[in-house]
Amino acid sequence: EWEKASQIFSVMAQRRVKSDTVACSAAISACQSGKKALHMIDLMVQNVMEPDEITFNAAINACKKAGGWVEALHVFNAMLQQIVKIDMISCNSAISACDKGRTWEIALLFLGVMVQNQIDSDAVTYNVAITTCEMAGEWKKTLQLLKVMAQGKVEPSTVTLTAAMSACEKGGEWQKSLRLLKLMAQSNVAPNTVSLNVAVSACEKGSKWKDGVSFLTTIPVETWKNLAIA
């Protein structure tokens, strides 16, 4: 419905009907792509309105919906020009845009922005970043990100470790994949069926069936029961 929102905005400007940042942010939230969101921000600037943190976060969220990492970069640049505070919501949405675009280098760039500006990160931040690296087969990067999580005392989730396992499995690192499964048990993170499927696939690719079966027998019975219930 962004077209209608844009038309209404233009009519209001022509008739000199005063609009506010809240109304514009709502219009941007209706956008389904980064380009449309950037167009709305341009209209705000043309009408001497100052986009705020909520406005830009809505724009980056629009980039995330369409996987528009290029547009997300433009929004970030606009935030810097307008001297608007970049927060965790902004960065998480931008990293999510890279996830859909499978652009792991840019995802890590946004993560670097968070570190440089001392912006707090959470499990969602790393889940998306690690998943993006996993899709690209960058298993070394996923392991590096797990170390950064540990240093920042951010607890990994099942999604986090499974994505890292999958990256190692795709890279032929079956031993590392199994070690991550073991880390789940040590960290009291419950594996799911995807985690175990990845572990089995890793052993298959490494022609290490005996090692895989032997390792799977070390998984507590309670874990298997929980998987059966799920």
Protein backbone atom coordinates (compact mmCIF):
# COMPACT_ATOMS: atom_id res chain seq x y z
CA GLU A 1 0.00 0.00 0.00
CA TRP A 2 3.02 2.27 -0.21
CA GLU A 3 1.74 3.85 -3.46
CA LYS A 4 -1.36 5.13 -1.69
CA ALA A 5 0.74 6.35 1.22
CA SER A 6 3.07 8.16 -1.19
CA GLN A 7 0.15 9.75 -3.05
CA ILE A 8 -1.44 10.94 0.18
CA PHE A 9 1.89 12.36 1.29
CA SER A 10 2.31 14.26 -2.00
CA VAL A 11 -1.23 15.65 -1.87
CA MET A 12 -0.68 16.82 1.71
CA ALA A 13 2.49 18.60 0.63
CA GLN A 14 0.77 20.27 -2.35
CA ARG A 15 -2.08 21.49 -0.16
CA ARG A 16 0.36 22.51 2.56
CA VAL A 17 -1.25 20.19 5.06
CA LYS A 18 1.24 19.68 7.84
CA SER A 19 2.50 16.14 8.25
CA ASP A 20 4.73 14.79 10.99
CA THR A 21 7.50 12.25 11.39
CA VAL A 22 5.17 9.67 12.93
CA ALA A 23 2.87 9.74 9.89
CA CYS A 24 5.82 9.47 7.51
CA SER A 25 7.33 6.59 9.48
CA ALA A 26 4.00 4.76 9.22
CA ALA A 27 4.01 5.33 5.45
CA ILE A 28 7.54 3.95 5.18
CA SER A 29 6.49 0.88 7.17
CA ALA A 30 4.00 0.17 4.38
CA CYS A 31 6.83 -0.03 1.86
CA GLN A 32 7.83 -3.46 0.63
CA SER A 33 11.25 -2.51 -0.72
CA GLY A 34 14.22 -0.39 0.21
CA LYS A 35 13.98 1.77 -2.93
CA LYS A 36 10.43 2.81 -2.06
CA ALA A 37 11.43 3.54 1.52
CA LEU A 38 14.33 5.71 0.33
CA HIS A 39 11.92 7.55 -1.97
CA MET A 40 9.70 8.37 1.02
CA ILE A 41 12.71 9.63 2.99
CA ASP A 42 13.67 11.87 0.06
CA LEU A 43 10.14 13.30 0.08
CA MET A 44 10.50 14.06 3.80
CA VAL A 45 13.78 15.91 3.24
CA GLN A 46 12.31 17.84 0.31
CA ASN A 47 9.50 18.98 2.57
CA VAL A 48 11.95 20.12 5.24
CA MET A 49 11.17 17.27 7.63
CA GLU A 50 13.81 15.53 9.72
CA PRO A 51 13.68 11.72 9.61
CA ASP A 52 14.36 10.25 13.04
CA GLU A 53 15.55 6.91 14.38
CA ILE A 54 12.10 5.34 14.01
CA THR A 55 11.85 6.52 10.40
CA PHE A 56 15.19 5.04 9.39
CA ASN A 57 14.54 1.78 11.26
CA ALA A 58 11.29 1.44 9.32
CA ALA A 59 13.24 2.03 6.10
CA ILE A 60 15.86 -0.60 6.93
CA ASN A 61 13.09 -3.01 7.85
CA ALA A 62 11.67 -2.46 4.36
CA CYS A 63 15.12 -3.34 2.97
CA LYS A 64 15.08 -6.51 5.06
CA LYS A 65 11.73 -7.60 3.61
CA ALA A 66 13.12 -7.49 0.09
CA GLY A 67 16.67 -8.57 0.90
CA GLY A 68 17.91 -5.19 -0.31
CA TRP A 69 21.36 -4.96 1.26
CA VAL A 70 22.41 -2.23 -1.21
CA GLU A 71 19.48 -0.05 -0.14
CA ALA A 72 20.27 -0.84 3.51
CA LEU A 73 23.75 0.60 2.95
CA HIS A 74 22.20 3.76 1.49
CA VAL A 75 19.90 4.09 4.50
CA PHE A 76 22.88 3.69 6.83
CA ASN A 77 24.71 6.41 4.94
CA ALA A 78 21.66 8.67 5.18
CA MET A 79 21.51 8.06 8.94
CA LEU A 80 25.13 9.16 9.27
CA GLN A 81 24.48 12.29 7.19
CA GLN A 82 21.43 13.17 9.28
CA ILE A 83 23.35 12.37 12.48
CA VAL A 84 20.68 9.90 13.58
CA LYS A 85 21.61 7.34 16.20
CA ILE A 86 22.19 3.83 14.82
CA ASP A 87 20.96 1.17 17.25
CA MET A 88 20.71 -2.60 17.52
CA ILE A 89 17.35 -2.64 15.71
CA SER A 90 18.89 -0.81 12.74
CA CYS A 91 21.85 -3.18 12.53
CA ASN A 92 19.85 -6.39 13.03
CA SER A 93 17.49 -5.43 10.22
CA ALA A 94 20.41 -4.53 7.94
CA ILE A 95 22.15 -7.84 8.66
CA SER A 96 18.86 -9.63 7.94
CA ALA A 97 18.77 -7.93 4.53
CA CYS A 98 22.17 -9.48 3.84
CA ASP A 99 20.84 -12.86 4.95
CA LYS A 100 18.23 -12.80 2.19
CA GLY A 101 20.76 -11.43 -0.26
CA ARG A 102 23.36 -14.00 0.84
CA THR A 103 26.00 -11.30 1.12
CA TRP A 104 28.03 -12.41 4.12
CA GLU A 105 30.79 -9.80 3.64
CA ILE A 106 28.30 -6.94 4.00
CA ALA A 107 26.67 -8.64 7.00
CA LEU A 108 30.06 -8.67 8.75
CA LEU A 109 30.54 -5.03 7.74
CA PHE A 110 27.36 -4.10 9.61
CA LEU A 111 28.53 -6.20 12.54
CA GLY A 112 31.77 -4.24 12.51
CA VAL A 113 29.78 -1.00 12.65
CA MET A 114 28.13 -2.28 15.82
CA VAL A 115 31.49 -3.06 17.43
CA GLN A 116 33.07 0.28 16.41
CA ASN A 117 30.10 2.26 17.73
CA GLN A 118 29.74 0.13 20.87
CA ILE A 119 26.22 -0.90 19.92
CA ASP A 120 24.88 -3.82 21.92
CA SER A 121 24.35 -7.07 20.02
CA ASP A 122 22.13 -10.01 20.92
CA ALA A 123 21.51 -13.61 19.86
CA VAL A 124 19.42 -12.40 16.91
CA THR A 125 22.38 -10.37 15.61
CA TYR A 126 24.67 -13.37 15.54
CA ASN A 127 22.01 -15.86 14.44
CA VAL A 128 21.46 -13.90 11.24
CA ALA A 129 25.17 -13.20 10.66
CA ILE A 130 26.12 -16.85 11.17
CA THR A 131 23.24 -18.06 8.98
CA THR A 132 24.39 -15.69 6.22
CA CYS A 133 27.93 -17.10 6.42
CA GLU A 134 26.54 -20.64 6.52
CA MET A 135 24.62 -20.06 3.28
CA ALA A 136 27.86 -18.99 1.64
CA GLY A 137 29.76 -21.99 3.03
CA GLU A 138 32.02 -19.74 5.11
CA TRP A 139 32.54 -22.18 7.98
CA LYS A 140 35.66 -20.42 9.29
CA LYS A 141 33.70 -17.19 9.67
CA THR A 142 30.93 -18.95 11.58
CA LEU A 143 33.44 -20.32 14.08
CA GLN A 144 35.01 -16.87 14.45
CA LEU A 145 31.60 -15.38 15.15
CA LEU A 146 30.95 -18.03 17.82
CA LYS A 147 34.17 -16.93 19.53
CA VAL A 148 33.06 -13.29 19.36
CA MET A 149 29.74 -14.30 20.92
CA ALA A 150 31.54 -16.04 23.77
CA GLN A 151 33.77 -13.00 24.33
CA GLY A 152 30.70 -10.76 24.43
CA LYS A 153 28.91 -13.22 26.73
CA VAL A 154 26.07 -13.68 24.24
CA GLU A 155 24.52 -17.12 24.72
CA PRO A 156 24.23 -19.20 21.52
CA SER A 157 20.89 -20.77 20.68
CA THR A 158 19.96 -23.94 18.84
CA VAL A 159 19.62 -21.87 15.66
CA THR A 160 23.10 -20.38 16.12
CA LEU A 161 24.93 -23.65 16.65
CA THR A 162 22.95 -25.57 14.05
CA ALA A 163 23.81 -22.94 11.42
CA ALA A 164 27.49 -23.20 12.38
CA MET A 165 27.26 -27.00 12.22
CA SER A 166 25.73 -26.80 8.77
CA ALA A 167 28.50 -24.47 7.57
CA CYS A 168 31.16 -26.95 8.76
CA GLU A 169 29.26 -29.84 7.19
CA LYS A 170 29.12 -28.04 3.83
CA GLY A 171 32.85 -27.34 4.11
CA GLY A 172 33.65 -30.99 4.70
CA GLU A 173 34.67 -30.32 8.31
CA TRP A 174 32.73 -33.23 9.82
CA GLN A 175 34.75 -33.30 13.06
CA LYS A 176 34.06 -29.64 13.76
CA SER A 177 30.39 -30.18 13.04
CA LEU A 178 30.24 -32.97 15.64
CA ARG A 179 32.16 -30.87 18.16
CA LEU A 180 29.52 -28.15 17.83
CA LEU A 181 26.83 -30.75 18.52
CA LYS A 182 28.77 -31.71 21.64
CA LEU A 183 29.02 -28.01 22.56
CA MET A 184 25.22 -27.89 22.52
CA ALA A 185 25.07 -30.50 25.27
CA GLN A 186 27.78 -28.76 27.27
CA SER A 187 25.97 -25.42 26.94
CA ASN A 188 22.56 -26.89 27.84
CA VAL A 189 21.32 -25.96 24.37
CA ALA A 190 18.88 -28.58 23.14
CA PRO A 191 19.61 -29.89 19.63
CA ASN A 192 16.70 -30.36 17.25
CA THR A 193 16.11 -32.76 14.38
CA VAL A 194 17.90 -30.37 11.99
CA SER A 195 21.00 -30.42 14.21
CA LEU A 196 21.13 -34.21 14.23
CA ASN A 197 20.45 -34.45 10.49
CA VAL A 198 23.37 -32.10 9.87
CA ALA A 199 25.59 -34.23 12.11
CA VAL A 200 24.63 -37.43 10.27
CA SER A 201 25.17 -35.73 6.89
CA ALA A 202 28.59 -34.51 8.01
CA CYS A 203 29.62 -38.07 8.91
CA GLU A 204 28.26 -39.35 5.62
CA LYS A 205 30.29 -36.86 3.59
CA GLY A 206 33.38 -37.71 5.62
CA SER A 207 32.74 -41.46 5.25
CA LYS A 208 32.87 -41.64 9.03
CA TRP A 209 29.76 -43.66 9.83
CA LYS A 210 31.32 -45.43 12.81
CA ASP A 211 32.43 -42.13 14.33
CA GLY A 212 28.99 -40.67 13.75
CA VAL A 213 27.14 -43.57 15.33
CA SER A 214 29.59 -43.62 18.22
CA PHE A 215 29.13 -39.92 18.81
CA LEU A 216 25.35 -40.02 18.61
CA THR A 217 25.30 -42.66 21.36
CA THR A 218 26.82 -40.07 23.71
CA ILE A 219 23.73 -37.87 23.43
CA PRO A 220 21.66 -38.11 26.64
CA VAL A 221 18.49 -40.21 26.48
CA GLU A 222 16.50 -37.22 27.72
CA THR A 223 17.50 -35.30 24.59
CA TRP A 224 16.15 -38.06 22.35
CA LYS A 225 12.90 -38.08 24.34
CA ASN A 226 12.52 -34.33 23.90
CA LEU A 227 13.08 -34.69 20.15
CA ALA A 228 10.45 -37.40 19.98
CA ILE A 229 7.93 -35.18 21.79
CA ALA A 230 8.70 -32.26 19.45
